[in-house]
Amino acid sequence: MFGEANRPGADYTIVLVSPTGADVTSSIGIRIAVAAATEPAPDRFLVAGADFSPRTPVPRDLIEAARTPAVRAGRVTSIRTGAFILGAAGLLDGKRATTH
């Protein structure tokens, strides 16, 4: 979707990060190369969902990895269970939020 937005003139640069900088494996086994979460402050920060149930505690490494770039970002969004990561990090405190 960001690639499509760039066609008419948007200027999104995508950087994939993980809590440790190590590559991650998707829930269906696809290996994804990522960078360490030490990039400059993002203008927009998107937290993707993780493979956990909303009824289980969010892993501490995800909370910490999301907190710093989210606080520094101009705009923060999430997809699916990413909202629970933001909530566990205290980033939704006092804000209206929704997920499906």
N, C-alpha and C. Protein backbone atom coordinates (compact mmCIF):
# COMPACT_ATOMS: atom_id res chain seq x y z
N MET A 1 0.82 -1.18 0.00
CA MET A 1 0.00 0.00 0.00
C MET A 1 0.87 1.24 0.00
N PHE A 2 2.01 1.23 0.71
CA PHE A 2 2.86 2.42 0.73
C PHE A 2 3.53 2.62 -0.63
N GLY A 3 3.88 1.53 -1.30
CA GLY A 3 4.44 1.63 -2.64
C GLY A 3 3.47 2.29 -3.60
N GLU A 4 2.21 1.92 -3.49
CA GLU A 4 1.18 2.53 -4.33
C GLU A 4 1.02 4.01 -4.01
N ALA A 5 1.10 4.36 -2.75
CA ALA A 5 0.97 5.77 -2.36
C ALA A 5 2.14 6.59 -2.89
N ASN A 6 3.30 5.96 -3.05
CA ASN A 6 4.46 6.68 -3.58
C ASN A 6 4.31 7.02 -5.06
N ARG A 7 3.52 6.25 -5.79
CA ARG A 7 3.38 6.49 -7.25
C ARG A 7 2.91 7.90 -7.57
N PRO A 8 1.85 8.41 -6.91
CA PRO A 8 1.42 9.77 -7.25
C PRO A 8 2.18 10.87 -6.51
N GLY A 9 3.21 10.51 -5.73
CA GLY A 9 4.02 11.56 -5.14
C GLY A 9 4.29 11.48 -3.65
N ALA A 10 3.69 10.54 -2.94
CA ALA A 10 4.04 10.40 -1.52
C ALA A 10 5.50 9.96 -1.44
N ASP A 11 6.10 10.08 -0.27
CA ASP A 11 7.52 9.75 -0.13
C ASP A 11 7.74 8.84 1.08
N TYR A 12 7.13 7.67 1.04
CA TYR A 12 7.31 6.71 2.13
C TYR A 12 8.57 5.89 1.91
N THR A 13 9.39 5.79 2.93
CA THR A 13 10.52 4.88 2.95
C THR A 13 10.21 3.85 4.02
N ILE A 14 10.25 2.59 3.66
CA ILE A 14 9.89 1.52 4.58
C ILE A 14 11.16 0.91 5.18
N VAL A 15 11.20 0.82 6.51
CA VAL A 15 12.28 0.16 7.22
C VAL A 15 11.63 -0.86 8.15
N LEU A 16 11.96 -2.12 7.96
CA LEU A 16 11.44 -3.17 8.83
C LEU A 16 12.41 -3.39 9.97
N VAL A 17 11.89 -3.42 11.18
CA VAL A 17 12.74 -3.61 12.37
C VAL A 17 12.19 -4.73 13.23
N SER A 18 13.05 -5.26 14.09
CA SER A 18 12.63 -6.25 15.06
C SER A 18 13.25 -5.87 16.40
N PRO A 19 12.76 -6.44 17.50
CA PRO A 19 13.30 -6.06 18.81
C PRO A 19 14.81 -6.23 18.93
N THR A 20 15.37 -7.25 18.30
CA THR A 20 16.81 -7.52 18.43
C THR A 20 17.61 -7.18 17.18
N GLY A 21 16.93 -6.86 16.10
CA GLY A 21 17.62 -6.64 14.83
C GLY A 21 17.79 -7.93 14.05
N ALA A 22 17.40 -9.05 14.64
CA ALA A 22 17.48 -10.34 13.96
C ALA A 22 16.30 -10.50 13.02
N ASP A 23 16.52 -11.22 11.93
CA ASP A 23 15.42 -11.50 11.01
C ASP A 23 14.30 -12.20 11.76
N VAL A 24 13.09 -12.07 11.26
CA VAL A 24 11.94 -12.71 11.89
C VAL A 24 11.31 -13.69 10.90
N THR A 25 10.52 -14.60 11.44
CA THR A 25 9.80 -15.56 10.62
C THR A 25 8.32 -15.32 10.82
N SER A 26 7.59 -15.20 9.73
CA SER A 26 6.15 -14.96 9.82
C SER A 26 5.44 -16.21 10.36
N SER A 27 4.16 -16.05 10.68
CA SER A 27 3.39 -17.17 11.21
C SER A 27 3.23 -18.30 10.21
N ILE A 28 3.50 -18.03 8.92
CA ILE A 28 3.41 -19.09 7.92
C ILE A 28 4.80 -19.52 7.42
N GLY A 29 5.85 -19.10 8.14
CA GLY A 29 7.18 -19.59 7.85
C GLY A 29 8.02 -18.77 6.88
N ILE A 30 7.57 -17.60 6.48
CA ILE A 30 8.35 -16.76 5.57
C ILE A 30 9.37 -15.96 6.38
N ARG A 31 10.63 -16.05 6.00
CA ARG A 31 11.69 -15.32 6.69
C ARG A 31 11.74 -13.89 6.15
N ILE A 32 11.79 -12.92 7.06
CA ILE A 32 11.78 -11.51 6.69
C ILE A 32 13.04 -10.85 7.24
N ALA A 33 13.83 -10.25 6.37
CA ALA A 33 15.05 -9.56 6.78
C ALA A 33 14.67 -8.19 7.36
N VAL A 34 15.27 -7.85 8.49
CA VAL A 34 14.96 -6.59 9.16
C VAL A 34 16.24 -5.88 9.59
N ALA A 35 16.09 -4.65 10.02
CA ALA A 35 17.19 -3.85 10.56
C ALA A 35 17.02 -3.75 12.07
N ALA A 36 18.07 -3.36 12.76
CA ALA A 36 17.96 -3.11 14.19
C ALA A 36 17.07 -1.89 14.40
N ALA A 37 16.40 -1.83 15.52
CA ALA A 37 15.48 -0.72 15.80
C ALA A 37 16.23 0.51 16.29
N THR A 38 17.28 0.88 15.60
CA THR A 38 18.08 2.05 15.99
C THR A 38 18.06 3.12 14.92
N GLU A 39 17.09 3.06 14.03
CA GLU A 39 16.98 4.04 12.95
C GLU A 39 16.62 5.41 13.53
N PRO A 40 16.81 6.48 12.73
CA PRO A 40 16.38 7.81 13.18
C PRO A 40 14.88 7.82 13.46
N ALA A 41 14.42 8.82 14.17
CA ALA A 41 13.00 8.93 14.51
C ALA A 41 12.15 8.87 13.26
N PRO A 42 11.19 7.96 13.23
CA PRO A 42 10.32 7.87 12.06
C PRO A 42 9.24 8.95 12.07
N ASP A 43 8.82 9.36 10.89
CA ASP A 43 7.69 10.27 10.79
C ASP A 43 6.41 9.51 11.14
N ARG A 44 6.33 8.27 10.66
CA ARG A 44 5.20 7.39 10.94
C ARG A 44 5.73 6.04 11.39
N PHE A 45 5.09 5.48 12.39
CA PHE A 45 5.52 4.19 12.93
C PHE A 45 4.31 3.26 12.94
N LEU A 46 4.44 2.13 12.26
CA LEU A 46 3.36 1.16 12.15
C LEU A 46 3.76 -0.12 12.88
N VAL A 47 2.95 -0.54 13.83
CA VAL A 47 3.21 -1.78 14.56
C VAL A 47 2.33 -2.87 13.97
N ALA A 48 2.98 -3.85 13.38
CA ALA A 48 2.24 -4.97 12.79
C ALA A 48 1.79 -5.91 13.90
N GLY A 49 0.77 -6.66 13.63
CA GLY A 49 0.30 -7.65 14.59
C GLY A 49 1.32 -8.74 14.78
N ALA A 50 1.26 -9.38 15.92
CA ALA A 50 2.15 -10.49 16.23
C ALA A 50 1.30 -11.75 16.41
N ASP A 51 1.96 -12.86 16.44
CA ASP A 51 1.27 -14.15 16.54
C ASP A 51 1.06 -14.52 18.01
N PHE A 52 0.17 -13.79 18.67
CA PHE A 52 -0.19 -14.10 20.05
C PHE A 52 -1.66 -13.76 20.24
N SER A 53 -2.24 -14.31 21.27
CA SER A 53 -3.65 -14.06 21.58
C SER A 53 -3.76 -12.79 22.42
N PRO A 54 -4.78 -11.97 22.18
CA PRO A 54 -4.97 -10.79 23.02
C PRO A 54 -5.17 -11.12 24.50
N ARG A 55 -5.47 -12.36 24.80
CA ARG A 55 -5.66 -12.77 26.21
C ARG A 55 -4.35 -13.10 26.91
N THR A 56 -3.26 -13.19 26.16
CA THR A 56 -1.97 -13.50 26.77
C THR A 56 -1.16 -12.22 26.90
N PRO A 57 -0.25 -12.18 27.86
CA PRO A 57 0.57 -10.97 28.01
C PRO A 57 1.43 -10.73 26.77
N VAL A 58 1.61 -9.46 26.44
CA VAL A 58 2.47 -9.09 25.32
C VAL A 58 3.92 -9.30 25.79
N PRO A 59 4.74 -9.97 24.99
CA PRO A 59 6.14 -10.18 25.37
C PRO A 59 6.86 -8.86 25.63
N ARG A 60 7.63 -8.83 26.68
CA ARG A 60 8.34 -7.61 27.11
C ARG A 60 9.21 -7.04 25.99
N ASP A 61 9.86 -7.90 25.18
CA ASP A 61 10.72 -7.38 24.12
C ASP A 61 9.93 -6.60 23.07
N LEU A 62 8.69 -7.01 22.81
CA LEU A 62 7.85 -6.27 21.86
C LEU A 62 7.44 -4.93 22.44
N ILE A 63 7.12 -4.91 23.71
CA ILE A 63 6.73 -3.66 24.37
C ILE A 63 7.87 -2.65 24.29
N GLU A 64 9.06 -3.09 24.69
CA GLU A 64 10.21 -2.18 24.70
C GLU A 64 10.61 -1.75 23.29
N ALA A 65 10.54 -2.69 22.33
CA ALA A 65 10.92 -2.36 20.96
C ALA A 65 9.95 -1.37 20.33
N ALA A 66 8.70 -1.38 20.73
CA ALA A 66 7.71 -0.46 20.17
C ALA A 66 7.74 0.90 20.85
N ARG A 67 8.04 0.93 22.12
CA ARG A 67 7.90 2.16 22.89
C ARG A 67 8.78 3.31 22.36
N THR A 68 10.06 3.10 22.18
CA THR A 68 10.97 4.19 21.81
C THR A 68 10.63 4.80 20.46
N PRO A 69 10.53 4.00 19.38
CA PRO A 69 10.21 4.66 18.09
C PRO A 69 8.81 5.26 18.08
N ALA A 70 7.87 4.66 18.81
CA ALA A 70 6.51 5.20 18.83
C ALA A 70 6.47 6.56 19.50
N VAL A 71 7.20 6.72 20.59
CA VAL A 71 7.23 8.00 21.31
C VAL A 71 7.86 9.08 20.43
N ARG A 72 8.84 8.71 19.62
CA ARG A 72 9.54 9.67 18.79
C ARG A 72 8.83 9.97 17.47
N ALA A 73 7.90 9.12 17.07
CA ALA A 73 7.24 9.25 15.77
C ALA A 73 6.19 10.35 15.77
N GLY A 74 5.97 10.91 14.59
CA GLY A 74 4.93 11.92 14.44
C GLY A 74 3.53 11.31 14.46
N ARG A 75 3.40 10.10 13.94
CA ARG A 75 2.11 9.42 13.89
C ARG A 75 2.34 7.93 14.13
N VAL A 76 1.47 7.31 14.93
CA VAL A 76 1.60 5.90 15.26
C VAL A 76 0.32 5.17 14.88
N THR A 77 0.47 4.05 14.20
CA THR A 77 -0.67 3.21 13.84
C THR A 77 -0.30 1.76 14.09
N SER A 78 -1.31 0.91 14.00
CA SER A 78 -1.06 -0.52 14.16
C SER A 78 -2.01 -1.31 13.30
N ILE A 79 -1.67 -2.57 13.14
CA ILE A 79 -2.50 -3.51 12.40
C ILE A 79 -2.82 -4.66 13.34
N ARG A 80 -4.09 -5.02 13.40
CA ARG A 80 -4.56 -6.17 14.18
C ARG A 80 -4.04 -6.15 15.62
N THR A 81 -3.33 -7.19 16.05
CA THR A 81 -2.89 -7.27 17.44
C THR A 81 -1.78 -6.27 17.77
N GLY A 82 -1.32 -5.51 16.79
CA GLY A 82 -0.37 -4.44 17.08
C GLY A 82 -0.95 -3.43 18.06
N ALA A 83 -2.27 -3.28 18.07
CA ALA A 83 -2.93 -2.38 19.02
C ALA A 83 -2.69 -2.83 20.46
N PHE A 84 -2.62 -4.13 20.68
CA PHE A 84 -2.37 -4.64 22.03
C PHE A 84 -0.92 -4.38 22.46
N ILE A 85 0.00 -4.38 21.49
CA ILE A 85 1.39 -4.04 21.79
C ILE A 85 1.47 -2.58 22.21
N LEU A 86 0.80 -1.71 21.45
CA LEU A 86 0.79 -0.28 21.82
C LEU A 86 0.14 -0.07 23.18
N GLY A 87 -0.95 -0.78 23.44
CA GLY A 87 -1.62 -0.66 24.73
C GLY A 87 -0.75 -1.11 25.88
N ALA A 88 -0.08 -2.24 25.70
CA ALA A 88 0.80 -2.77 26.76
C ALA A 88 1.97 -1.84 27.03
N ALA A 89 2.38 -1.10 26.01
CA ALA A 89 3.49 -0.14 26.17
C ALA A 89 3.03 1.17 26.79
N GLY A 90 1.72 1.30 27.05
CA GLY A 90 1.18 2.53 27.64
C GLY A 90 0.99 3.64 26.62
N LEU A 91 1.12 3.32 25.35
CA LEU A 91 1.05 4.35 24.32
C LEU A 91 -0.37 4.74 23.94
N LEU A 92 -1.35 4.01 24.46
CA LEU A 92 -2.75 4.35 24.19
C LEU A 92 -3.43 4.97 25.41
N ASP A 93 -2.71 5.08 26.50
CA ASP A 93 -3.29 5.64 27.72
C ASP A 93 -3.87 7.02 27.46
N GLY A 94 -5.13 7.21 27.80
CA GLY A 94 -5.79 8.50 27.62
C GLY A 94 -6.19 8.81 26.20
N LYS A 95 -6.04 7.83 25.30
CA LYS A 95 -6.39 8.04 23.89
C LYS A 95 -7.51 7.11 23.48
N ARG A 96 -8.25 7.50 22.47
CA ARG A 96 -9.27 6.62 21.89
C ARG A 96 -8.60 5.72 20.87
N ALA A 97 -8.94 4.45 20.90
CA ALA A 97 -8.35 3.50 19.96
C ALA A 97 -9.37 2.43 19.62
N THR A 98 -9.21 1.82 18.47
CA THR A 98 -10.09 0.74 18.08
C THR A 98 -9.28 -0.29 17.32
N THR A 99 -9.74 -1.52 17.33
CA THR A 99 -9.16 -2.59 16.53
C THR A 99 -10.31 -3.53 16.18
N HIS A 100 -10.02 -4.51 15.39
CA HIS A 100 -11.09 -5.44 15.03
C HIS A 100 -10.79 -6.83 15.53
